[in-house]
Amino acid sequence: MSDFRFGFTRDFNDAETVKNVGSDYQEVNLTNLSALSYEEIDKLVADAAVNGYSYEVANCMIPGEYKFTVDSPDYKAINEYLNRAFDKAQRLGVKIAVMGSSGARNFPEGVSYDTAFERLVYFLKNHVVPMCEKYNIVCALENLSYGESNILNTIDESLKVVDAVGSPFVKSLVDFYHFGYNKDNFDSIRKAKDHIVHIHVASVINNRQYPAPDDGEDYSVILDLLREIGYDKREARISFEARVPDGKTFAECAEESLCVFKNL
């Protein structure tokens, strides 16, 4: 019996498969969720109640068109989107909203890092936190690779933002694929331990494929560290956010990943 709870980042169409392979929950796409009608949301809620589906986490919190580190963000449009998205997410039972959202957070040429950092903190404090408080959803800041984002790449950066915002509704996520890609350090996770509310995993050396037996990775290092910082006694959620390689199905990959992690 694992001390962690495992989920998969998949579309709603995969809900039955996610449940049947033995997952504890499903992580869905908030941008896609926001586009659904309330009738479609009600149907998802009803289906979840009947079939035992659990949608606890949503990623892709902010679409790329809602840029907030530019000179003049359209806060009115962003707030309207967030209000709509968080309302629907709450109805579905979402507890964590993951802010990867590189297209929205990346700062353009001509804007300094320090200015972008200030704008990020301002945005979180004045626009995200009020929505999180209203709908009781925690925003988890995702570390992204240097190839995808020019801000919030390391766990130290994430912790600096969390401290600057100073709200229990803005916390950190550790994506171990991006973490490994960036060659980040484990001590930063130890420092941020009290603020880590969610985890993403995928194989680093196999180009973000689902973890599999004998794939060359030592995933025990991840789980040992998470146990060391007490994550297994708190949220304990770990989402597999990965790609299906050629020749395999999602169900096959999911079963293999769960087998690997549940036996560590």
Protein backbone atom coordinates (compact mmCIF):
# COMPACT_ATOMS: atom_id res chain seq x y z
CA MET A 1 0.00 0.00 0.00
CA SER A 2 1.62 3.26 -1.12
CA ASP A 3 1.77 6.29 1.16
CA PHE A 4 1.15 8.52 -1.87
CA ARG A 5 -1.90 9.21 -4.02
CA PHE A 6 -1.38 8.96 -7.77
CA GLY A 7 -3.18 10.65 -10.64
CA PHE A 8 -2.84 11.31 -14.36
CA THR A 9 -3.09 14.50 -16.40
CA ARG A 10 -5.60 13.46 -19.04
CA ASP A 11 -8.66 14.68 -20.89
CA PHE A 12 -12.14 13.96 -19.54
CA ASN A 13 -12.56 11.29 -22.23
CA ASP A 14 -9.99 9.19 -20.38
CA ALA A 15 -11.78 9.31 -17.01
CA GLU A 16 -12.88 5.67 -17.13
CA THR A 17 -9.39 4.45 -18.04
CA VAL A 18 -7.78 6.61 -15.35
CA LYS A 19 -10.11 5.08 -12.77
CA ASN A 20 -9.80 1.51 -14.02
CA VAL A 21 -5.99 1.41 -13.93
CA GLY A 22 -6.10 2.17 -10.20
CA SER A 23 -5.51 5.91 -10.12
CA ASP A 24 -6.67 7.93 -7.11
CA TYR A 25 -7.68 11.04 -9.04
CA GLN A 26 -7.44 12.79 -12.41
CA GLU A 27 -5.77 16.10 -13.25
CA VAL A 28 -7.63 17.97 -15.97
CA ASN A 29 -7.04 21.05 -18.11
CA LEU A 30 -8.54 24.21 -16.60
CA THR A 31 -8.51 26.11 -19.89
CA ASN A 32 -10.55 23.36 -21.52
CA LEU A 33 -12.78 23.08 -18.47
CA SER A 34 -13.57 26.80 -18.59
CA ALA A 35 -14.90 26.42 -22.14
CA LEU A 36 -17.51 23.83 -21.13
CA SER A 37 -21.11 24.86 -20.56
CA TYR A 38 -22.62 24.57 -17.11
CA GLU A 39 -24.83 21.79 -18.43
CA GLU A 40 -21.70 19.88 -19.46
CA ILE A 41 -20.15 20.54 -16.04
CA ASP A 42 -23.27 19.22 -14.30
CA LYS A 43 -23.08 16.06 -16.39
CA LEU A 44 -19.42 15.56 -15.48
CA VAL A 45 -20.28 16.00 -11.79
CA ALA A 46 -23.11 13.48 -12.06
CA ASP A 47 -20.95 10.98 -13.93
CA ALA A 48 -18.18 11.39 -11.37
CA ALA A 49 -20.59 10.65 -8.51
CA VAL A 50 -21.88 7.50 -10.19
CA ASN A 51 -18.53 6.16 -11.40
CA GLY A 52 -16.23 7.30 -8.60
CA TYR A 53 -14.18 9.71 -10.68
CA SER A 54 -12.22 12.37 -8.78
CA TYR A 55 -11.06 15.60 -10.41
CA GLU A 56 -8.91 17.13 -7.67
CA VAL A 57 -6.39 19.07 -9.74
CA ALA A 58 -6.50 21.25 -12.86
CA ASN A 59 -3.50 22.44 -14.85
CA CYS A 60 -3.03 25.02 -17.63
CA MET A 61 -4.54 27.62 -15.32
CA ILE A 62 -4.25 30.62 -17.63
CA PRO A 63 -4.35 30.55 -21.45
CA GLY A 64 -1.48 32.17 -23.31
CA GLU A 65 -3.56 35.07 -24.59
CA TYR A 66 -3.99 36.42 -21.03
CA LYS A 67 -0.48 37.76 -20.57
CA PHE A 68 0.24 39.38 -17.22
CA THR A 69 3.94 40.32 -17.31
CA VAL A 70 3.54 42.66 -20.31
CA ASP A 71 3.32 46.44 -19.97
CA SER A 72 -0.48 46.65 -20.02
CA PRO A 73 -2.22 43.40 -19.02
CA ASP A 74 -5.94 43.16 -19.77
CA TYR A 75 -6.90 42.51 -16.15
CA LYS A 76 -10.61 42.83 -16.89
CA ALA A 77 -10.51 39.97 -19.38
CA ILE A 78 -8.20 37.92 -17.16
CA ASN A 79 -10.46 38.33 -14.14
CA GLU A 80 -13.52 37.38 -16.16
CA TYR A 81 -11.75 34.24 -17.32
CA LEU A 82 -10.51 33.32 -13.85
CA ASN A 83 -13.93 33.83 -12.30
CA ARG A 84 -15.55 31.61 -14.92
CA ALA A 85 -12.83 28.95 -14.78
CA PHE A 86 -12.62 28.76 -10.99
CA ASP A 87 -16.39 28.64 -10.62
CA LYS A 88 -16.58 25.62 -12.92
CA ALA A 89 -13.53 24.02 -11.31
CA GLN A 90 -15.05 24.34 -7.86
CA ARG A 91 -18.25 22.66 -9.04
CA LEU A 92 -16.15 19.75 -10.29
CA GLY A 93 -14.31 19.39 -6.98
CA VAL A 94 -10.95 20.86 -8.01
CA LYS A 95 -8.72 21.75 -5.03
CA ILE A 96 -5.47 22.70 -6.79
CA ALA A 97 -5.04 24.91 -9.87
CA VAL A 98 -1.61 24.52 -11.47
CA MET A 99 -0.08 27.66 -12.93
CA GLY A 100 2.36 26.45 -15.55
CA SER A 101 0.93 28.77 -18.18
CA SER A 102 4.22 29.70 -19.84
CA GLY A 103 2.50 31.66 -22.61
CA ALA A 104 0.81 33.90 -20.06
CA ARG A 105 3.69 34.36 -17.66
CA ASN A 106 6.68 34.67 -20.02
CA PHE A 107 7.89 38.26 -20.17
CA PRO A 108 8.62 39.88 -23.54
CA GLU A 109 11.84 41.35 -24.85
CA GLY A 110 12.40 44.80 -23.37
CA VAL A 111 11.04 43.86 -19.94
CA SER A 112 13.65 43.09 -17.28
CA TYR A 113 13.49 40.01 -15.09
CA ASP A 114 13.06 42.14 -11.97
CA THR A 115 10.13 44.01 -13.50
CA ALA A 116 8.54 40.74 -14.64
CA PHE A 117 8.98 39.31 -11.15
CA GLU A 118 7.24 42.33 -9.61
CA ARG A 119 4.40 42.04 -12.12
CA LEU A 120 4.04 38.32 -11.39
CA VAL A 121 3.79 38.95 -7.64
CA TYR A 122 1.35 41.82 -8.19
CA PHE A 123 -0.83 39.67 -10.42
CA LEU A 124 -0.91 36.82 -7.95
CA LYS A 125 -1.63 39.07 -4.96
CA ASN A 126 -4.29 41.23 -6.55
CA HIS A 127 -6.00 38.96 -9.08
CA VAL A 128 -5.30 35.30 -8.38
CA VAL A 129 -5.50 35.26 -4.58
CA PRO A 130 -8.97 36.87 -4.46
CA MET A 131 -10.28 34.20 -6.86
CA CYS A 132 -8.60 31.45 -4.87
CA GLU A 133 -10.15 32.75 -1.66
CA LYS A 134 -13.58 33.04 -3.28
CA TYR A 135 -13.57 29.47 -4.59
CA ASN A 136 -11.28 27.84 -2.01
CA ILE A 137 -8.79 26.65 -4.62
CA VAL A 138 -5.02 26.76 -4.10
CA CYS A 139 -2.79 28.04 -6.91
CA ALA A 140 0.32 25.86 -7.32
CA LEU A 141 3.23 27.54 -9.11
CA GLU A 142 4.88 25.12 -11.51
CA ASN A 143 8.60 25.24 -12.20
CA LEU A 144 9.12 25.04 -15.97
CA SER A 145 12.18 24.25 -18.06
CA TYR A 146 14.39 27.00 -19.43
CA GLY A 147 13.25 25.92 -22.86
CA GLU A 148 9.61 26.72 -22.07
CA SER A 149 9.72 29.72 -19.76
CA ASN A 150 11.94 32.66 -18.85
CA ILE A 151 10.65 32.99 -15.27
CA LEU A 152 9.84 30.58 -12.44
CA ASN A 153 12.25 27.90 -13.60
CA THR A 154 13.61 26.77 -10.25
CA ILE A 155 12.13 25.82 -6.89
CA ASP A 156 14.12 28.64 -5.25
CA GLU A 157 12.36 31.11 -7.57
CA SER A 158 9.00 29.56 -6.77
CA LEU A 159 9.65 29.85 -3.03
CA LYS A 160 10.70 33.48 -3.46
CA VAL A 161 7.38 34.23 -5.17
CA VAL A 162 5.39 32.32 -2.56
CA ASP A 163 7.09 34.30 0.21
CA ALA A 164 6.51 37.61 -1.60
CA VAL A 165 2.80 36.90 -2.11
CA GLY A 166 2.36 35.70 1.47
CA SER A 167 -0.94 33.88 1.00
CA PRO A 168 -1.89 30.31 1.93
CA PHE A 169 -3.58 30.17 -1.47
CA VAL A 170 -0.33 30.47 -3.47
CA LYS A 171 2.07 27.57 -3.05
CA SER A 172 4.68 25.58 -4.98
CA LEU A 173 4.55 22.58 -7.30
CA VAL A 174 7.60 20.48 -8.10
CA ASP A 175 7.60 19.12 -11.62
CA PHE A 176 10.42 16.58 -11.55
CA TYR A 177 10.71 16.48 -15.34
CA HIS A 178 11.42 20.23 -15.52
CA PHE A 179 13.43 19.96 -12.30
CA GLY A 180 15.73 17.38 -13.89
CA TYR A 181 15.86 19.18 -17.24
CA ASN A 182 17.05 22.34 -15.47
CA LYS A 183 19.46 20.40 -13.24
CA ASP A 184 17.87 22.00 -10.19
CA ASN A 185 19.04 20.95 -6.72
CA PHE A 186 17.30 18.84 -4.09
CA ASP A 187 18.17 21.22 -1.26
CA SER A 188 15.78 23.76 -2.80
CA ILE A 189 12.96 21.26 -2.29
CA ARG A 190 13.99 20.80 1.31
CA LYS A 191 13.86 24.58 1.81
CA ALA A 192 10.42 24.81 0.22
CA LYS A 193 9.02 21.74 1.96
CA ASP A 194 6.28 23.55 3.88
CA HIS A 195 4.94 25.15 0.70
CA ILE A 196 4.89 22.21 -1.73
CA VAL A 197 1.31 21.18 -2.49
CA HIS A 198 1.60 19.15 -5.68
CA ILE A 199 4.01 17.01 -7.72
CA HIS A 200 4.41 16.14 -11.42
CA VAL A 201 6.58 13.29 -12.65
CA ALA A 202 7.80 11.94 -15.99
CA SER A 203 11.00 10.40 -17.28
CA VAL A 204 13.72 12.98 -17.85
CA ILE A 205 16.13 10.79 -19.79
CA ASN A 206 13.38 9.36 -22.01
CA ASN A 207 12.03 12.67 -23.26
CA ARG A 208 9.08 12.95 -20.88
CA GLN A 209 7.68 9.47 -21.42
CA TYR A 210 5.65 7.77 -18.73
CA PRO A 211 7.79 6.05 -16.09
CA ALA A 212 8.25 2.37 -16.88
CA PRO A 213 10.14 -0.60 -15.44
CA ASP A 214 13.82 -0.64 -16.40
CA ASP A 215 13.65 2.73 -18.17
CA GLY A 216 16.96 3.82 -16.68
CA GLU A 217 15.52 6.19 -14.08
CA ASP A 218 15.82 5.88 -10.30
CA TYR A 219 12.44 7.14 -9.13
CA SER A 220 13.11 6.02 -5.56
CA VAL A 221 15.19 9.19 -5.16
CA ILE A 222 12.04 11.26 -5.72
CA LEU A 223 9.84 9.34 -3.32
CA ASP A 224 12.56 9.13 -0.65
CA LEU A 225 12.97 12.91 -0.78
CA LEU A 226 9.20 13.49 -0.61
CA ARG A 227 9.00 11.22 2.43
CA GLU A 228 11.95 13.05 3.99
CA ILE A 229 10.13 16.39 3.77
CA GLY A 230 6.85 14.89 5.00
CA TYR A 231 4.92 15.33 1.77
CA ASP A 232 3.53 11.81 2.08
CA LYS A 233 1.87 12.85 5.35
CA ARG A 234 0.24 15.94 3.84
CA GLU A 235 -1.13 16.34 0.32
CA ALA A 236 0.65 13.22 -0.99
CA ARG A 237 -0.66 13.75 -4.55
CA ILE A 238 1.64 12.84 -7.43
CA SER A 239 0.47 13.32 -11.02
CA PHE A 240 2.01 11.57 -13.99
CA GLU A 241 2.24 14.29 -16.63
CA ALA A 242 3.89 12.48 -19.49
CA ARG A 243 3.63 11.35 -23.08
CA VAL A 244 2.69 7.98 -24.53
CA PRO A 245 5.50 6.53 -26.70
CA ASP A 246 4.86 4.99 -30.07
CA GLY A 247 3.58 1.42 -29.89
CA LYS A 248 1.86 1.76 -26.53
CA THR A 249 -1.54 2.84 -25.25
CA PHE A 250 -2.20 5.26 -22.41
CA ALA A 251 -3.68 2.41 -20.35
CA GLU A 252 -0.50 0.34 -20.74
CA CYS A 253 1.69 3.27 -19.77
CA ALA A 254 -0.51 4.15 -16.79
CA GLU A 255 -0.43 0.62 -15.43
CA GLU A 256 3.35 0.48 -15.76
CA SER A 257 3.85 3.85 -14.07
CA LEU A 258 1.63 2.92 -11.15
CA CYS A 259 3.40 -0.40 -10.80
CA VAL A 260 6.79 1.31 -10.65
CA PHE A 261 5.81 3.97 -8.11
CA LYS A 262 3.55 1.90 -5.88
CA ASN A 263 6.40 -0.56 -5.30
CA LEU A 264 8.94 2.05 -4.19
